Every structure is written in structure tokens, then in C-alpha cells.
């Protein structure tokens, strides 16, 4: 099992200056939804973005982390998403 804060910290170290949100979906600390907003995703495919997020957890995926749902955004796309939610 992993603490959500540990996941958040690792992603913030990987994606300097990023906005990182981590949600424990089941309360069992093995099913997570992560949202990462980073300029590093600019110009990258969705698959490439998700691979970048998975990379720091290659040892834990399939072990302590059973499920890892990922949403990635560039800052511009995140702003658009937030504006859509407001309307």
C-alpha cells in the first residue's frame, strides 16, 4: 500500500512546477486516480504523457498499486477543462 501523499510527492518531484491531485478511490491505498497538469506534456501524445506518469511507479504498479487511473493536462488544457466545469 502507498499513501496518497507519497504518490503526490513523487509526481511533484518528477514534474517540477506541476499541479498534482491524488485521490484514493477505495480507501484501501491501492486504487488511485491521479491528475497531473504539467508543461512537460506539451506536444506529447496521451500515451507518452501517461508513460511519463507511470515511470516513477514502475516497481509499485501491479504490487502495492493495484489500479492507477491517470488524467494528464497541459496548463492550457487544464484551464479549458476548469472553464467548462464552471459553465
N, C-alpha and C. Protein backbone atom coordinates (compact mmCIF):
# COMPACT_ATOMS: atom_id res chain seq x y z
N UNK A 1 0.84 -1.19 0.00
CA UNK A 1 0.00 0.00 0.00
C UNK A 1 0.88 1.25 0.00
N UNK A 2 0.34 2.28 -0.63
CA UNK A 2 1.06 3.56 -0.67
C UNK A 2 0.15 4.67 -0.17
N UNK A 3 0.74 5.60 0.49
CA UNK A 3 0.00 6.77 0.94
C UNK A 3 -0.20 7.72 -0.24
N UNK A 4 -1.38 8.33 -0.35
CA UNK A 4 -1.60 9.30 -1.43
C UNK A 4 -0.55 10.42 -1.44
N UNK A 5 -0.13 10.86 -0.26
CA UNK A 5 0.86 11.94 -0.19
C UNK A 5 2.20 11.49 -0.78
N UNK A 6 2.56 10.23 -0.60
CA UNK A 6 3.80 9.71 -1.18
C UNK A 6 3.74 9.75 -2.71
N UNK A 7 2.59 9.40 -3.26
CA UNK A 7 2.40 9.45 -4.72
C UNK A 7 2.50 10.90 -5.19
N UNK A 8 1.81 11.79 -4.49
CA UNK A 8 1.82 13.22 -4.84
C UNK A 8 3.25 13.76 -4.80
N UNK A 9 3.98 13.44 -3.75
CA UNK A 9 5.36 13.93 -3.62
C UNK A 9 6.24 13.44 -4.76
N UNK A 10 6.12 12.17 -5.10
CA UNK A 10 6.95 11.61 -6.16
C UNK A 10 6.63 12.26 -7.51
N UNK A 11 5.35 12.49 -7.76
CA UNK A 11 4.97 13.14 -9.02
C UNK A 11 5.42 14.60 -9.05
N UNK A 12 5.34 15.28 -7.93
CA UNK A 12 5.81 16.68 -7.89
C UNK A 12 7.32 16.76 -8.09
N UNK A 13 8.05 15.76 -7.64
CA UNK A 13 9.50 15.71 -7.88
C UNK A 13 9.79 15.45 -9.36
N UNK A 14 8.98 14.59 -9.97
CA UNK A 14 9.17 14.23 -11.37
C UNK A 14 8.78 15.37 -12.30
N UNK A 15 7.67 16.04 -11.98
CA UNK A 15 7.13 17.11 -12.82
C UNK A 15 7.21 18.43 -12.05
N UNK A 16 8.39 19.02 -12.06
CA UNK A 16 8.64 20.25 -11.32
C UNK A 16 7.64 21.33 -11.73
N UNK A 17 7.01 21.96 -10.75
CA UNK A 17 6.07 23.04 -11.00
C UNK A 17 4.68 22.57 -11.40
N UNK A 18 4.45 21.26 -11.39
CA UNK A 18 3.16 20.72 -11.82
C UNK A 18 2.10 20.84 -10.72
N UNK A 19 0.86 20.83 -11.14
CA UNK A 19 -0.26 20.66 -10.23
C UNK A 19 -0.55 19.17 -10.20
N UNK A 20 -0.58 18.59 -9.01
CA UNK A 20 -0.80 17.15 -8.87
C UNK A 20 -1.93 16.92 -7.87
N UNK A 21 -2.92 16.16 -8.30
CA UNK A 21 -4.03 15.76 -7.44
C UNK A 21 -4.04 14.24 -7.36
N UNK A 22 -4.17 13.70 -6.15
CA UNK A 22 -4.19 12.25 -5.96
C UNK A 22 -5.42 11.91 -5.13
N UNK A 23 -6.18 10.94 -5.62
CA UNK A 23 -7.39 10.50 -4.92
C UNK A 23 -7.31 9.00 -4.69
N UNK A 24 -7.50 8.58 -3.44
CA UNK A 24 -7.58 7.16 -3.09
C UNK A 24 -9.03 6.75 -3.36
N UNK A 25 -9.24 5.95 -4.39
CA UNK A 25 -10.60 5.66 -4.86
C UNK A 25 -11.38 4.72 -3.96
N UNK A 26 -10.69 3.87 -3.20
CA UNK A 26 -11.38 2.85 -2.41
C UNK A 26 -11.11 2.95 -0.91
N UNK A 27 -10.16 3.78 -0.53
CA UNK A 27 -9.79 3.87 0.89
C UNK A 27 -8.83 2.77 1.31
N UNK A 28 -8.40 1.95 0.36
CA UNK A 28 -7.50 0.83 0.67
C UNK A 28 -6.04 1.11 0.30
N UNK A 29 -5.78 2.30 -0.20
CA UNK A 29 -4.44 2.75 -0.56
C UNK A 29 -3.78 1.88 -1.62
N UNK A 30 -4.60 1.35 -2.55
CA UNK A 30 -4.04 0.60 -3.67
C UNK A 30 -4.76 0.88 -4.99
N UNK A 31 -5.79 1.73 -4.95
CA UNK A 31 -6.52 2.16 -6.15
C UNK A 31 -6.53 3.69 -6.16
N UNK A 32 -5.86 4.28 -7.14
CA UNK A 32 -5.70 5.72 -7.15
C UNK A 32 -6.12 6.34 -8.48
N UNK A 33 -6.58 7.58 -8.40
CA UNK A 33 -6.77 8.43 -9.57
C UNK A 33 -5.82 9.60 -9.38
N UNK A 34 -4.97 9.82 -10.39
CA UNK A 34 -4.05 10.95 -10.33
C UNK A 34 -4.33 11.89 -11.50
N UNK A 35 -4.24 13.15 -11.21
CA UNK A 35 -4.35 14.19 -12.22
C UNK A 35 -3.07 15.00 -12.16
N UNK A 36 -2.42 15.14 -13.30
CA UNK A 36 -1.16 15.89 -13.37
C UNK A 36 -1.30 16.95 -14.45
N UNK A 37 -1.03 18.19 -14.08
CA UNK A 37 -1.04 19.32 -15.00
C UNK A 37 0.40 19.80 -15.11
N UNK A 38 0.97 19.66 -16.31
CA UNK A 38 2.39 20.00 -16.47
C UNK A 38 2.68 20.50 -17.87
N UNK A 39 3.58 21.45 -17.94
CA UNK A 39 4.07 21.94 -19.23
C UNK A 39 4.85 20.85 -19.96
N UNK A 40 5.36 19.87 -19.23
CA UNK A 40 6.14 18.79 -19.86
C UNK A 40 5.29 17.94 -20.82
N UNK A 41 3.98 18.05 -20.75
CA UNK A 41 3.11 17.27 -21.63
C UNK A 41 2.90 17.96 -22.98
N UNK A 42 3.32 19.20 -23.09
CA UNK A 42 3.15 19.96 -24.32
C UNK A 42 3.75 19.21 -25.51
N UNK A 43 2.95 18.99 -26.54
CA UNK A 43 3.42 18.35 -27.76
C UNK A 43 3.57 16.84 -27.69
N UNK A 44 3.20 16.24 -26.57
CA UNK A 44 3.32 14.78 -26.41
C UNK A 44 1.95 14.12 -26.57
N UNK A 45 1.94 12.91 -27.10
CA UNK A 45 0.69 12.16 -27.23
C UNK A 45 0.19 11.76 -25.85
N UNK A 46 -1.07 11.41 -25.77
CA UNK A 46 -1.65 10.98 -24.50
C UNK A 46 -0.92 9.76 -23.96
N UNK A 47 -0.57 8.84 -24.83
CA UNK A 47 0.18 7.64 -24.41
C UNK A 47 1.52 8.04 -23.81
N UNK A 48 2.23 8.94 -24.47
CA UNK A 48 3.52 9.39 -23.96
C UNK A 48 3.36 10.09 -22.61
N UNK A 49 2.31 10.90 -22.47
CA UNK A 49 2.06 11.58 -21.20
C UNK A 49 1.85 10.57 -20.09
N UNK A 50 1.02 9.56 -20.34
CA UNK A 50 0.72 8.56 -19.32
C UNK A 50 1.96 7.73 -18.98
N UNK A 51 2.78 7.44 -19.97
CA UNK A 51 4.01 6.71 -19.69
C UNK A 51 4.94 7.51 -18.78
N UNK A 52 4.97 8.82 -18.97
CA UNK A 52 5.78 9.68 -18.10
C UNK A 52 5.29 9.63 -16.66
N UNK A 53 3.96 9.55 -16.49
CA UNK A 53 3.39 9.50 -15.13
C UNK A 53 3.62 8.12 -14.51
N UNK A 54 3.49 7.07 -15.29
CA UNK A 54 3.72 5.71 -14.79
C UNK A 54 5.17 5.47 -14.38
N UNK A 55 6.11 6.07 -15.09
CA UNK A 55 7.54 5.76 -14.94
C UNK A 55 8.04 5.77 -13.49
N UNK A 56 7.69 6.76 -12.66
CA UNK A 56 8.22 6.75 -11.29
C UNK A 56 7.65 5.64 -10.41
N UNK A 57 6.66 4.90 -10.93
CA UNK A 57 5.99 3.88 -10.13
C UNK A 57 6.12 2.48 -10.74
N UNK A 58 7.09 2.29 -11.63
CA UNK A 58 7.20 1.00 -12.33
C UNK A 58 7.36 -0.17 -11.37
N UNK A 59 7.98 0.04 -10.23
CA UNK A 59 8.15 -1.03 -9.24
C UNK A 59 6.86 -1.33 -8.47
N UNK A 60 6.00 -0.32 -8.31
CA UNK A 60 4.80 -0.47 -7.49
C UNK A 60 3.56 -0.90 -8.27
N UNK A 61 3.51 -0.61 -9.58
CA UNK A 61 2.34 -0.96 -10.38
C UNK A 61 2.24 -2.49 -10.43
N UNK A 62 1.06 -3.00 -10.10
CA UNK A 62 0.86 -4.44 -10.07
C UNK A 62 1.25 -5.04 -8.73
N UNK A 63 1.80 -4.23 -7.85
CA UNK A 63 2.16 -4.67 -6.49
C UNK A 63 1.34 -3.85 -5.51
N UNK A 64 2.01 -2.94 -4.79
CA UNK A 64 1.28 -2.10 -3.84
C UNK A 64 0.21 -1.23 -4.51
N UNK A 65 0.43 -0.87 -5.77
CA UNK A 65 -0.58 -0.11 -6.52
C UNK A 65 -1.27 -1.08 -7.46
N UNK A 66 -2.53 -1.36 -7.16
CA UNK A 66 -3.30 -2.30 -7.97
C UNK A 66 -3.94 -1.61 -9.18
N UNK A 67 -4.44 -0.39 -8.98
CA UNK A 67 -5.08 0.36 -10.06
C UNK A 67 -4.61 1.81 -10.01
N UNK A 68 -4.33 2.35 -11.19
CA UNK A 68 -3.75 3.69 -11.28
C UNK A 68 -4.39 4.39 -12.46
N UNK A 69 -5.42 5.18 -12.21
CA UNK A 69 -6.11 5.92 -13.26
C UNK A 69 -5.43 7.28 -13.42
N UNK A 70 -5.14 7.64 -14.66
CA UNK A 70 -4.36 8.86 -14.91
C UNK A 70 -5.13 9.82 -15.81
N UNK A 71 -5.10 11.09 -15.43
CA UNK A 71 -5.57 12.18 -16.29
C UNK A 71 -4.42 13.17 -16.38
N UNK A 72 -4.06 13.54 -17.60
CA UNK A 72 -2.97 14.48 -17.80
C UNK A 72 -3.46 15.66 -18.62
N UNK A 73 -2.91 16.82 -18.29
CA UNK A 73 -3.28 18.06 -18.97
C UNK A 73 -2.07 18.95 -19.11
N UNK A 74 -2.03 19.70 -20.19
CA UNK A 74 -1.12 20.84 -20.25
C UNK A 74 -1.82 21.95 -19.46
N UNK A 75 -1.11 22.98 -19.03
CA UNK A 75 -1.78 24.06 -18.30
C UNK A 75 -2.93 24.67 -19.10
N UNK A 76 -2.74 24.83 -20.41
CA UNK A 76 -3.79 25.41 -21.25
C UNK A 76 -5.03 24.52 -21.28
N UNK A 77 -4.86 23.21 -21.45
CA UNK A 77 -5.99 22.28 -21.48
C UNK A 77 -6.68 22.21 -20.12
N UNK A 78 -5.90 22.30 -19.05
CA UNK A 78 -6.47 22.29 -17.70
C UNK A 78 -7.36 23.51 -17.49
N UNK A 79 -6.89 24.65 -17.93
CA UNK A 79 -7.68 25.88 -17.82
C UNK A 79 -8.99 25.74 -18.59
N UNK A 80 -8.92 25.19 -19.80
CA UNK A 80 -10.13 24.96 -20.59
C UNK A 80 -11.08 24.02 -19.87
N UNK A 81 -10.56 22.97 -19.27
CA UNK A 81 -11.36 21.99 -18.53
C UNK A 81 -12.07 22.66 -17.35
N UNK A 82 -11.35 23.51 -16.64
CA UNK A 82 -11.92 24.20 -15.48
C UNK A 82 -13.02 25.17 -15.92
N UNK A 83 -12.81 25.85 -17.03
CA UNK A 83 -13.81 26.77 -17.54
C UNK A 83 -15.08 26.03 -17.96
N UNK A 84 -14.93 24.86 -18.54
CA UNK A 84 -16.06 24.05 -18.95
C UNK A 84 -16.88 23.62 -17.74
N UNK A 85 -16.23 23.29 -16.64
CA UNK A 85 -16.93 22.87 -15.42
C UNK A 85 -17.74 24.01 -14.81
N UNK A 86 -17.24 25.24 -14.96
CA UNK A 86 -17.90 26.40 -14.37
C UNK A 86 -19.21 26.71 -15.12
N UNK A 87 -19.20 26.51 -16.42
CA UNK A 87 -20.36 26.87 -17.24
C UNK A 87 -21.51 25.93 -17.07
